Amino acid sequence: MVNAYSTFVNNGFRTEPLLVTRIEDRNGNVIKQFDPKQKRVIPAETAWLMLYMLKGGMEEPGGTSQALWEYDLWKKGNEIGGKTGTTSNYSDGWYMGVTKDLVSGVWVGGEDRSIHFYRSQQGEGSRMALPVYGTYMEKLYRDKDLDIEYGRFPSPTVKISKKYNCVTPAPRRIVEPIDSLVTDNLLEKLNAGTIAIPDSL
């Protein structure tokens, strides 16, 4: 699954996974080098649109990745895309996270299929696997020996011809300060019986 998600960051190219990149002798001489093999499997436009949609899990109201805002991952305009996953009996929770430098997958579950959570409140991917990903990424970003940097996803390398403005139609909740004078006046009118409350409320 991580390999499939990597295709979106790699402009539609799928890279064959490599377990061994090179073999050296005891003196450090390279005996054999294994270079990654790539093949285009989806158009670059589709790959960029998938990244855009994965970012929506973080940026759009109601997105399933919103709990990641609680982690120390948001420096230098950092962007993260992600997708949660949950099996219908809450036995498996997934989180697939995508950054400009790294694609990671987290699975939480049991090998025995009878092991599962009772309810979605505990067994969803956003509650089981996403916290593992958030903690993992905090540690990666702090490790200066790794080449994992904060930053934005690259701009598209091709013209995007498809419409992609996927703003959630539900309005964002805006919390406004309550005017206590208006509230007090309303309560006075309610107590005096000058305002009737409909039976439907």
Protein backbone atom coordinates (compact mmCIF):
# COMPACT_ATOMS: atom_id res chain seq x y z
CA MET A 1 0.00 0.00 0.00
CA VAL A 2 2.89 2.38 0.77
CA ASN A 3 4.28 1.69 -2.70
CA ALA A 4 0.93 2.56 -4.28
CA TYR A 5 0.69 5.87 -2.38
CA SER A 6 4.29 6.69 -3.35
CA THR A 7 3.09 6.84 -6.96
CA PHE A 8 1.19 10.05 -6.20
CA VAL A 9 4.31 11.85 -4.92
CA ASN A 10 6.44 10.47 -7.78
CA ASN A 11 4.37 12.15 -10.53
CA GLY A 12 2.65 8.90 -11.45
CA PHE A 13 5.74 6.68 -11.57
CA ARG A 14 5.73 3.43 -9.59
CA THR A 15 9.13 2.39 -8.28
CA GLU A 16 9.90 -1.29 -7.75
CA PRO A 17 10.72 -1.76 -4.06
CA LEU A 18 14.41 -2.46 -3.38
CA LEU A 19 15.53 -4.43 -0.33
CA VAL A 20 19.22 -4.24 -1.23
CA THR A 21 20.66 -1.16 -2.95
CA ARG A 22 24.26 -2.40 -3.25
CA ILE A 23 26.68 -5.10 -2.14
CA GLU A 24 30.19 -4.15 -0.95
CA ASP A 25 33.22 -6.21 0.00
CA ARG A 26 34.95 -5.77 3.36
CA ASN A 27 37.07 -2.94 1.92
CA GLY A 28 34.04 -0.94 0.80
CA ASN A 29 34.40 -1.77 -2.90
CA VAL A 30 31.04 -2.01 -4.63
CA ILE A 31 30.54 -5.49 -6.04
CA LYS A 32 27.00 -4.96 -7.32
CA GLN A 33 24.74 -1.90 -7.49
CA PHE A 34 20.96 -2.19 -7.81
CA ASP A 35 19.26 0.84 -9.33
CA PRO A 36 15.55 1.49 -8.84
CA LYS A 37 13.27 0.69 -11.75
CA GLN A 38 10.41 3.06 -12.43
CA LYS A 39 7.39 2.73 -14.67
CA ARG A 40 4.66 5.28 -15.34
CA VAL A 41 1.38 3.80 -14.11
CA ILE A 42 -0.86 6.89 -13.88
CA PRO A 43 -0.72 10.29 -15.60
CA ALA A 44 1.14 13.08 -13.78
CA GLU A 45 -2.10 15.10 -13.61
CA THR A 46 -3.91 12.26 -11.82
CA ALA A 47 -1.01 11.86 -9.38
CA TRP A 48 -1.10 15.57 -8.49
CA LEU A 49 -4.90 15.52 -8.08
CA MET A 50 -4.59 12.55 -5.72
CA LEU A 51 -2.08 14.50 -3.60
CA TYR A 52 -4.51 17.43 -3.57
CA MET A 53 -7.31 15.16 -2.34
CA LEU A 54 -5.09 13.55 0.30
CA LYS A 55 -4.28 17.04 1.63
CA GLY A 56 -8.02 17.58 1.95
CA GLY A 57 -8.09 15.13 4.85
CA MET A 58 -6.06 17.73 6.77
CA GLU A 59 -7.34 20.97 5.34
CA GLU A 60 -11.06 20.52 4.72
CA PRO A 61 -13.71 20.65 7.47
CA GLY A 62 -14.54 17.13 8.63
CA GLY A 63 -11.34 15.65 7.20
CA THR A 64 -10.35 12.37 8.86
CA SER A 65 -6.70 13.47 9.33
CA GLN A 66 -7.54 16.56 11.40
CA ALA A 67 -6.15 15.02 14.63
CA LEU A 68 -2.64 15.51 13.17
CA TRP A 69 -2.94 19.24 13.96
CA GLU A 70 -2.21 18.26 17.58
CA TYR A 71 1.33 17.13 16.68
CA ASP A 72 4.44 19.26 16.15
CA LEU A 73 4.47 18.81 12.36
CA TRP A 74 3.51 22.22 11.03
CA LYS A 75 6.68 24.28 10.63
CA LYS A 76 7.84 26.03 7.45
CA GLY A 77 4.46 25.64 5.75
CA ASN A 78 4.68 21.85 5.97
CA GLU A 79 2.01 19.93 4.10
CA ILE A 80 0.84 16.41 4.86
CA GLY A 81 -1.72 14.32 3.05
CA GLY A 82 -3.27 11.24 4.52
CA LYS A 83 -5.97 8.62 4.55
CA THR A 84 -7.44 6.66 7.42
CA GLY A 85 -8.80 3.16 7.05
CA THR A 86 -10.92 0.94 9.28
CA THR A 87 -12.22 -2.59 8.75
CA SER A 88 -15.93 -3.07 9.31
CA ASN A 89 -15.47 -5.06 12.55
CA TYR A 90 -12.82 -2.62 13.92
CA SER A 91 -10.07 -5.24 13.85
CA ASP A 92 -7.71 -3.15 11.68
CA GLY A 93 -6.88 0.53 11.76
CA TRP A 94 -4.74 2.14 9.06
CA TYR A 95 -3.14 5.47 8.44
CA MET A 96 -1.32 6.31 5.22
CA GLY A 97 0.68 9.54 5.47
CA VAL A 98 2.27 11.39 2.57
CA THR A 99 4.83 14.24 2.73
CA LYS A 100 7.09 15.69 0.07
CA ASP A 101 9.95 13.40 1.20
CA LEU A 102 8.31 10.31 2.64
CA VAL A 103 5.32 8.00 2.38
CA SER A 104 4.55 5.93 5.48
CA GLY A 105 1.88 3.43 6.41
CA VAL A 106 0.78 2.45 9.92
CA TRP A 107 -1.32 -0.64 10.66
CA VAL A 108 -2.75 -1.44 14.08
CA GLY A 109 -4.50 -4.76 14.55
CA GLY A 110 -4.17 -8.36 15.56
CA GLU A 111 -3.02 -11.37 13.56
CA ASP A 112 -5.95 -13.34 14.97
CA ARG A 113 -9.05 -12.09 13.12
CA SER A 114 -11.19 -12.47 16.24
CA ILE A 115 -9.25 -9.63 17.92
CA HIS A 116 -11.06 -6.35 17.42
CA PHE A 117 -12.42 -3.29 19.18
CA TYR A 118 -16.06 -3.23 20.22
CA ARG A 119 -16.90 0.24 18.85
CA SER A 120 -15.73 2.73 16.28
CA GLN A 121 -14.78 5.22 19.02
CA GLN A 122 -11.72 3.07 19.78
CA GLY A 123 -11.25 1.06 16.60
CA GLU A 124 -11.08 3.66 13.82
CA GLY A 125 -7.85 4.26 11.93
CA SER A 126 -7.93 7.90 13.04
CA ARG A 127 -7.88 6.78 16.69
CA MET A 128 -5.54 3.76 16.47
CA ALA A 129 -3.08 4.34 13.65
CA LEU A 130 -3.01 8.12 13.15
CA PRO A 131 -1.51 8.81 16.62
CA VAL A 132 1.31 6.37 15.85
CA TYR A 133 2.00 8.23 12.59
CA GLY A 134 1.94 11.64 14.32
CA THR A 135 4.45 10.58 16.98
CA TYR A 136 6.63 8.82 14.39
CA MET A 137 6.78 11.90 12.15
CA GLU A 138 7.63 14.20 15.07
CA LYS A 139 10.67 12.01 15.81
CA LEU A 140 11.71 11.85 12.15
CA TYR A 141 11.60 15.62 11.74
CA ARG A 142 13.71 16.10 14.88
CA ASP A 143 16.42 13.66 13.70
CA LYS A 144 18.97 15.81 11.85
CA ASP A 145 20.76 12.70 10.48
CA LEU A 146 17.76 11.93 8.28
CA ASP A 147 17.03 13.75 5.06
CA ILE A 148 13.38 14.39 5.98
CA GLU A 149 12.50 18.09 5.84
CA TYR A 150 9.43 20.20 6.47
CA GLY A 151 7.95 21.76 3.34
CA ARG A 152 5.19 22.02 0.82
CA PHE A 153 4.34 19.52 -1.88
CA PRO A 154 5.79 20.44 -5.28
CA SER A 155 3.67 22.35 -7.76
CA PRO A 156 2.20 20.33 -10.63
CA THR A 157 4.64 19.55 -13.44
CA VAL A 158 1.87 19.45 -16.04
CA LYS A 159 -1.19 21.56 -16.82
CA ILE A 160 -4.13 20.55 -14.62
CA SER A 161 -7.15 20.45 -16.93
CA LYS A 162 -9.64 18.86 -14.54
CA LYS A 163 -11.62 20.94 -12.06
CA TYR A 164 -10.25 20.29 -8.59
CA ASN A 165 -11.79 22.86 -6.26
CA CYS A 166 -13.03 20.28 -3.73
CA VAL A 167 -14.10 22.58 -0.91
CA THR A 168 -16.50 20.83 1.44
CA PRO A 169 -20.00 22.30 1.01
CA ALA A 170 -20.70 22.24 4.76
CA PRO A 171 -20.04 25.69 6.27
CA ARG A 172 -17.20 26.02 8.73
CA ARG A 173 -18.38 26.70 12.27
CA ILE A 174 -17.51 30.25 13.24
CA VAL A 175 -17.43 30.94 16.96
CA GLU A 176 -18.41 34.51 17.64
CA PRO A 177 -18.46 36.31 20.99
CA ILE A 178 -21.87 36.44 22.62
CA ASP A 179 -23.33 39.88 23.20
CA SER A 180 -24.44 39.61 26.84
CA LEU A 181 -26.77 42.64 26.51
CA VAL A 182 -28.75 40.97 23.72
CA THR A 183 -28.85 37.70 25.69
CA ASP A 184 -30.07 39.42 28.87
CA ASN A 185 -32.81 41.27 26.95
CA LEU A 186 -33.93 38.03 25.33
CA LEU A 187 -34.11 36.28 28.71
CA GLU A 188 -36.16 39.15 30.16
CA LYS A 189 -38.65 38.92 27.28
CA LEU A 190 -38.87 35.14 27.68
CA ASN A 191 -39.53 35.46 31.42
CA ALA A 192 -42.12 38.20 30.84
CA GLY A 193 -43.91 36.02 28.30
CA THR A 194 -43.60 38.57 25.49
CA ILE A 195 -41.81 36.01 23.30
CA ALA A 196 -43.48 32.70 22.56
CA ILE A 197 -41.37 29.60 21.99
CA PRO A 198 -42.77 27.35 19.25
CA ASP A 199 -43.85 23.86 20.36
CA SER A 200 -41.55 22.33 17.71
CA LEU A 201 -38.42 23.45 19.57
